[in-house]
């Protein structure tokens, strides 16, 4: 349960912060994604005891994937709620994809 909550929160933050830095602070989507992912991965690498090991290993990947959601153009949307919702959708896809792939592999 804690892992799922952490994945969703990381996904929301990854999408939202990337969009915010990209649009409000005018850093561009690639720079925003790279900078924020570097910070998050660095914290997880330097302080692995902050979270349980399985969560610490997933956080950088979830944040990185969600940052692609946040790379949405500011011309497409200015609504933070839609970015947060898209982050939740990414978190859902991330959490159910191993189950889906295992079911597909069984057939």
N, C-alpha and C. Protein backbone atom coordinates (compact mmCIF):
# COMPACT_ATOMS: atom_id res chain seq x y z
N UNK A 1 0.82 -1.20 0.00
CA UNK A 1 0.00 0.00 0.00
C UNK A 1 0.87 1.26 0.00
N UNK A 2 1.90 1.27 0.85
CA UNK A 2 2.80 2.42 0.90
C UNK A 2 3.51 2.62 -0.43
N UNK A 3 3.87 1.52 -1.08
CA UNK A 3 4.54 1.61 -2.37
C UNK A 3 3.62 2.26 -3.40
N UNK A 4 2.36 1.85 -3.43
CA UNK A 4 1.41 2.41 -4.39
C UNK A 4 1.19 3.89 -4.15
N UNK A 5 1.02 4.29 -2.91
CA UNK A 5 0.83 5.71 -2.58
C UNK A 5 2.06 6.51 -2.99
N UNK A 6 3.24 5.98 -2.70
CA UNK A 6 4.47 6.67 -3.08
C UNK A 6 4.60 6.80 -4.59
N UNK A 7 4.22 5.78 -5.32
CA UNK A 7 4.27 5.83 -6.78
C UNK A 7 3.33 6.91 -7.30
N UNK A 8 2.11 6.97 -6.77
CA UNK A 8 1.17 7.99 -7.22
C UNK A 8 1.65 9.40 -6.88
N UNK A 9 2.16 9.59 -5.68
CA UNK A 9 2.65 10.92 -5.29
C UNK A 9 3.85 11.33 -6.14
N UNK A 10 4.76 10.40 -6.37
CA UNK A 10 5.92 10.68 -7.21
C UNK A 10 5.49 11.01 -8.63
N UNK A 11 4.51 10.29 -9.13
CA UNK A 11 4.01 10.52 -10.47
C UNK A 11 3.37 11.90 -10.60
N UNK A 12 2.57 12.26 -9.62
CA UNK A 12 1.94 13.58 -9.64
C UNK A 12 2.99 14.68 -9.57
N UNK A 13 3.94 14.53 -8.65
CA UNK A 13 4.99 15.54 -8.52
C UNK A 13 5.86 15.62 -9.76
N UNK A 14 6.18 14.48 -10.35
CA UNK A 14 7.00 14.48 -11.57
C UNK A 14 6.34 15.23 -12.70
N UNK A 15 5.07 14.98 -12.91
CA UNK A 15 4.36 15.66 -13.99
C UNK A 15 4.18 17.15 -13.67
N UNK A 16 3.72 17.44 -12.47
CA UNK A 16 3.41 18.82 -12.10
C UNK A 16 4.67 19.70 -12.05
N UNK A 17 5.71 19.22 -11.39
CA UNK A 17 6.92 20.04 -11.26
C UNK A 17 7.60 20.26 -12.61
N UNK A 18 7.61 19.25 -13.45
CA UNK A 18 8.20 19.42 -14.78
C UNK A 18 7.43 20.45 -15.58
N UNK A 19 6.11 20.38 -15.54
CA UNK A 19 5.29 21.36 -16.25
C UNK A 19 5.51 22.76 -15.68
N UNK A 20 5.56 22.86 -14.37
CA UNK A 20 5.75 24.15 -13.71
C UNK A 20 7.09 24.78 -14.08
N UNK A 21 8.15 24.01 -13.96
CA UNK A 21 9.49 24.54 -14.27
C UNK A 21 9.60 24.86 -15.76
N UNK A 22 8.99 24.04 -16.59
CA UNK A 22 9.04 24.25 -18.03
C UNK A 22 8.29 25.52 -18.45
N UNK A 23 7.11 25.73 -17.91
CA UNK A 23 6.27 26.84 -18.37
C UNK A 23 6.46 28.12 -17.55
N UNK A 24 6.35 28.02 -16.25
CA UNK A 24 6.42 29.22 -15.40
C UNK A 24 7.83 29.80 -15.34
N UNK A 25 8.81 28.91 -15.20
CA UNK A 25 10.19 29.38 -15.08
C UNK A 25 10.93 29.35 -16.42
N UNK A 26 10.20 29.03 -17.49
CA UNK A 26 10.67 29.11 -18.87
C UNK A 26 12.01 28.40 -19.11
N UNK A 27 12.11 27.18 -18.59
CA UNK A 27 13.32 26.39 -18.78
C UNK A 27 13.22 25.42 -19.94
N UNK A 28 12.03 25.26 -20.47
CA UNK A 28 11.82 24.31 -21.55
C UNK A 28 11.59 22.92 -21.00
N UNK A 29 10.87 22.11 -21.75
CA UNK A 29 10.49 20.79 -21.24
C UNK A 29 11.65 19.84 -21.02
N UNK A 30 12.61 19.83 -21.91
CA UNK A 30 13.72 18.88 -21.79
C UNK A 30 14.60 19.25 -20.60
N UNK A 31 14.93 20.52 -20.48
CA UNK A 31 15.76 20.96 -19.36
C UNK A 31 15.06 20.74 -18.03
N UNK A 32 13.77 21.03 -17.98
CA UNK A 32 13.01 20.84 -16.74
C UNK A 32 12.99 19.37 -16.35
N UNK A 33 12.72 18.50 -17.30
CA UNK A 33 12.68 17.06 -17.02
C UNK A 33 14.04 16.56 -16.56
N UNK A 34 15.08 16.94 -17.28
CA UNK A 34 16.43 16.46 -16.95
C UNK A 34 16.88 16.96 -15.59
N UNK A 35 16.67 18.23 -15.32
CA UNK A 35 17.12 18.81 -14.05
C UNK A 35 16.40 18.18 -12.86
N UNK A 36 15.09 18.10 -12.94
CA UNK A 36 14.32 17.55 -11.83
C UNK A 36 14.59 16.06 -11.63
N UNK A 37 14.71 15.31 -12.73
CA UNK A 37 15.01 13.88 -12.61
C UNK A 37 16.40 13.67 -12.01
N UNK A 38 17.35 14.51 -12.39
CA UNK A 38 18.69 14.42 -11.83
C UNK A 38 18.65 14.67 -10.32
N UNK A 39 17.88 15.65 -9.89
CA UNK A 39 17.77 15.95 -8.46
C UNK A 39 17.14 14.78 -7.71
N UNK A 40 16.02 14.28 -8.21
CA UNK A 40 15.32 13.18 -7.54
C UNK A 40 16.18 11.92 -7.51
N UNK A 41 16.80 11.58 -8.64
CA UNK A 41 17.65 10.38 -8.68
C UNK A 41 18.87 10.56 -7.77
N UNK A 42 19.41 11.77 -7.74
CA UNK A 42 20.55 12.05 -6.87
C UNK A 42 20.21 11.88 -5.41
N UNK A 43 19.05 12.38 -5.00
CA UNK A 43 18.62 12.23 -3.61
C UNK A 43 18.43 10.75 -3.28
N UNK A 44 17.81 10.01 -4.18
CA UNK A 44 17.60 8.57 -3.93
C UNK A 44 18.92 7.82 -3.89
N UNK A 45 19.89 8.24 -4.69
CA UNK A 45 21.18 7.58 -4.70
C UNK A 45 22.01 7.93 -3.47
N UNK A 46 21.99 9.20 -3.08
CA UNK A 46 22.81 9.65 -1.95
C UNK A 46 22.21 9.29 -0.60
N UNK A 47 20.89 9.19 -0.54
CA UNK A 47 20.20 8.89 0.73
C UNK A 47 19.26 7.70 0.56
N UNK A 48 19.79 6.52 0.29
CA UNK A 48 18.92 5.36 0.02
C UNK A 48 18.11 4.90 1.23
N UNK A 49 18.48 5.36 2.41
CA UNK A 49 17.78 4.93 3.62
C UNK A 49 16.52 5.76 3.88
N UNK A 50 16.23 6.75 3.06
CA UNK A 50 15.02 7.57 3.26
C UNK A 50 13.74 6.74 3.13
N UNK A 51 13.73 5.79 2.23
CA UNK A 51 12.58 4.95 1.97
C UNK A 51 13.03 3.50 1.97
N UNK A 52 12.09 2.56 2.03
CA UNK A 52 12.46 1.15 1.85
C UNK A 52 13.10 0.95 0.48
N UNK A 53 13.94 -0.06 0.37
CA UNK A 53 14.73 -0.28 -0.84
C UNK A 53 13.90 -0.41 -2.11
N UNK A 54 12.77 -1.13 -2.06
CA UNK A 54 11.96 -1.30 -3.26
C UNK A 54 11.36 0.03 -3.73
N UNK A 55 11.03 0.90 -2.80
CA UNK A 55 10.50 2.22 -3.16
C UNK A 55 11.62 3.11 -3.69
N UNK A 56 12.77 3.08 -3.03
CA UNK A 56 13.90 3.91 -3.46
C UNK A 56 14.33 3.54 -4.88
N UNK A 57 14.25 2.28 -5.24
CA UNK A 57 14.62 1.86 -6.59
C UNK A 57 13.61 2.31 -7.64
N UNK A 58 12.35 2.48 -7.26
CA UNK A 58 11.32 2.83 -8.23
C UNK A 58 11.14 4.34 -8.40
N UNK A 59 11.40 5.11 -7.36
CA UNK A 59 11.11 6.55 -7.41
C UNK A 59 11.76 7.26 -8.61
N UNK A 60 13.06 7.08 -8.88
CA UNK A 60 13.63 7.79 -10.04
C UNK A 60 12.96 7.42 -11.36
N UNK A 61 12.61 6.14 -11.51
CA UNK A 61 11.99 5.71 -12.77
C UNK A 61 10.58 6.28 -12.92
N UNK A 62 9.83 6.28 -11.84
CA UNK A 62 8.47 6.83 -11.88
C UNK A 62 8.54 8.33 -12.16
N UNK A 63 9.42 9.03 -11.47
CA UNK A 63 9.55 10.47 -11.67
C UNK A 63 9.94 10.77 -13.11
N UNK A 64 10.91 10.02 -13.62
CA UNK A 64 11.36 10.23 -15.00
C UNK A 64 10.22 10.02 -16.00
N UNK A 65 9.48 8.94 -15.83
CA UNK A 65 8.35 8.68 -16.73
C UNK A 65 7.28 9.74 -16.62
N UNK A 66 6.96 10.15 -15.40
CA UNK A 66 5.93 11.17 -15.20
C UNK A 66 6.40 12.53 -15.71
N UNK A 67 7.70 12.75 -15.74
CA UNK A 67 8.18 14.03 -16.25
C UNK A 67 7.86 14.19 -17.74
N UNK A 68 7.72 13.07 -18.45
CA UNK A 68 7.31 13.15 -19.85
C UNK A 68 5.87 13.66 -19.96
N UNK A 69 5.05 13.33 -18.99
CA UNK A 69 3.69 13.87 -18.95
C UNK A 69 3.78 15.39 -18.76
N UNK A 70 4.67 15.83 -17.89
CA UNK A 70 4.84 17.25 -17.62
C UNK A 70 5.49 18.03 -18.74
N UNK A 71 6.01 17.33 -19.74
CA UNK A 71 6.63 18.01 -20.87
C UNK A 71 5.59 18.53 -21.87
N UNK A 72 4.34 18.43 -21.50
CA UNK A 72 3.25 18.94 -22.33
C UNK A 72 3.44 20.43 -22.56
N UNK A 73 3.14 20.86 -23.75
CA UNK A 73 3.30 22.26 -24.11
C UNK A 73 2.36 23.15 -23.30
N UNK A 74 2.84 24.29 -22.89
CA UNK A 74 2.01 25.28 -22.20
C UNK A 74 0.93 25.82 -23.12
N UNK A 75 1.10 25.69 -24.44
CA UNK A 75 0.08 26.12 -25.40
C UNK A 75 -1.09 25.15 -25.43
N UNK A 76 -0.79 23.89 -25.09
CA UNK A 76 -1.84 22.87 -25.09
C UNK A 76 -2.73 22.99 -23.87
N UNK A 77 -2.13 23.26 -22.73
CA UNK A 77 -2.92 23.40 -21.50
C UNK A 77 -2.21 24.34 -20.54
N UNK A 78 -2.98 25.11 -19.83
CA UNK A 78 -2.46 25.94 -18.74
C UNK A 78 -3.08 25.49 -17.43
N UNK A 79 -3.87 24.46 -17.52
CA UNK A 79 -4.62 23.97 -16.38
C UNK A 79 -3.79 22.97 -15.59
N UNK A 80 -3.41 23.32 -14.37
CA UNK A 80 -2.60 22.43 -13.54
C UNK A 80 -3.37 21.16 -13.16
N UNK A 81 -4.68 21.26 -13.05
CA UNK A 81 -5.50 20.10 -12.68
C UNK A 81 -5.37 19.00 -13.74
N UNK A 82 -5.35 19.37 -15.01
CA UNK A 82 -5.22 18.35 -16.06
C UNK A 82 -3.85 17.68 -16.02
N UNK A 83 -2.82 18.43 -15.67
CA UNK A 83 -1.49 17.84 -15.55
C UNK A 83 -1.44 16.88 -14.36
N UNK A 84 -2.05 17.27 -13.26
CA UNK A 84 -2.10 16.40 -12.09
C UNK A 84 -2.89 15.13 -12.41
N UNK A 85 -4.01 15.28 -13.10
CA UNK A 85 -4.80 14.11 -13.49
C UNK A 85 -4.00 13.19 -14.41
N UNK A 86 -3.27 13.78 -15.35
CA UNK A 86 -2.45 12.97 -16.26
C UNK A 86 -1.34 12.26 -15.48
N UNK A 87 -0.81 12.89 -14.43
CA UNK A 87 0.17 12.24 -13.57
C UNK A 87 -0.43 11.05 -12.85
N UNK A 88 -1.67 11.19 -12.40
CA UNK A 88 -2.37 10.07 -11.76
C UNK A 88 -2.57 8.93 -12.75
N UNK A 89 -2.93 9.26 -13.98
CA UNK A 89 -3.10 8.23 -15.02
C UNK A 89 -1.78 7.51 -15.26
N UNK A 90 -0.69 8.26 -15.32
CA UNK A 90 0.62 7.62 -15.50
C UNK A 90 0.92 6.68 -14.32
N UNK A 91 0.65 7.14 -13.11
CA UNK A 91 0.86 6.29 -11.93
C UNK A 91 0.05 5.02 -12.00
N UNK A 92 -1.19 5.14 -12.45
CA UNK A 92 -2.05 3.96 -12.60
C UNK A 92 -1.47 3.00 -13.63
N UNK A 93 -1.05 3.52 -14.76
CA UNK A 93 -0.47 2.67 -15.81
C UNK A 93 0.80 2.00 -15.29
N UNK A 94 1.60 2.73 -14.55
CA UNK A 94 2.84 2.16 -14.00
C UNK A 94 2.54 1.03 -13.03
N UNK A 95 1.51 1.21 -12.21
CA UNK A 95 1.22 0.18 -11.20
C UNK A 95 0.53 -1.05 -11.80
N UNK A 96 -0.26 -0.91 -12.85
CA UNK A 96 -0.96 -2.07 -13.41
C UNK A 96 -0.22 -2.73 -14.57
N UNK A 97 0.78 -2.08 -15.13
CA UNK A 97 1.45 -2.67 -16.30
C UNK A 97 2.14 -3.99 -16.00
N UNK A 98 2.78 -4.19 -14.84
CA UNK A 98 3.35 -5.53 -14.60
C UNK A 98 2.29 -6.62 -14.54
N UNK A 99 1.14 -6.32 -13.98
CA UNK A 99 0.05 -7.29 -13.90
C UNK A 99 -0.46 -7.60 -15.31
N UNK A 100 -0.65 -6.57 -16.12
CA UNK A 100 -1.12 -6.75 -17.48
C UNK A 100 -0.12 -7.56 -18.29
N UNK A 101 1.16 -7.27 -18.14
CA UNK A 101 2.18 -7.98 -18.91
C UNK A 101 2.27 -9.44 -18.48
N UNK A 102 2.07 -9.72 -17.19
CA UNK A 102 2.10 -11.10 -16.73
C UNK A 102 0.91 -11.87 -17.28
N UNK A 103 -0.25 -11.25 -17.35
CA UNK A 103 -1.44 -11.90 -17.91
C UNK A 103 -1.24 -12.17 -19.40
N UNK A 104 -0.69 -11.21 -20.11
CA UNK A 104 -0.45 -11.37 -21.54
C UNK A 104 0.59 -12.46 -21.79
N UNK A 105 1.59 -12.57 -20.93
CA UNK A 105 2.62 -13.57 -21.08
C UNK A 105 2.08 -14.97 -20.84
N UNK A 106 1.08 -15.09 -19.98
CA UNK A 106 0.50 -16.40 -19.65
C UNK A 106 -0.31 -16.97 -20.83
N UNK A 107 -0.79 -16.10 -21.71
CA UNK A 107 -1.61 -16.58 -22.84
C UNK A 107 -0.77 -16.88 -24.01
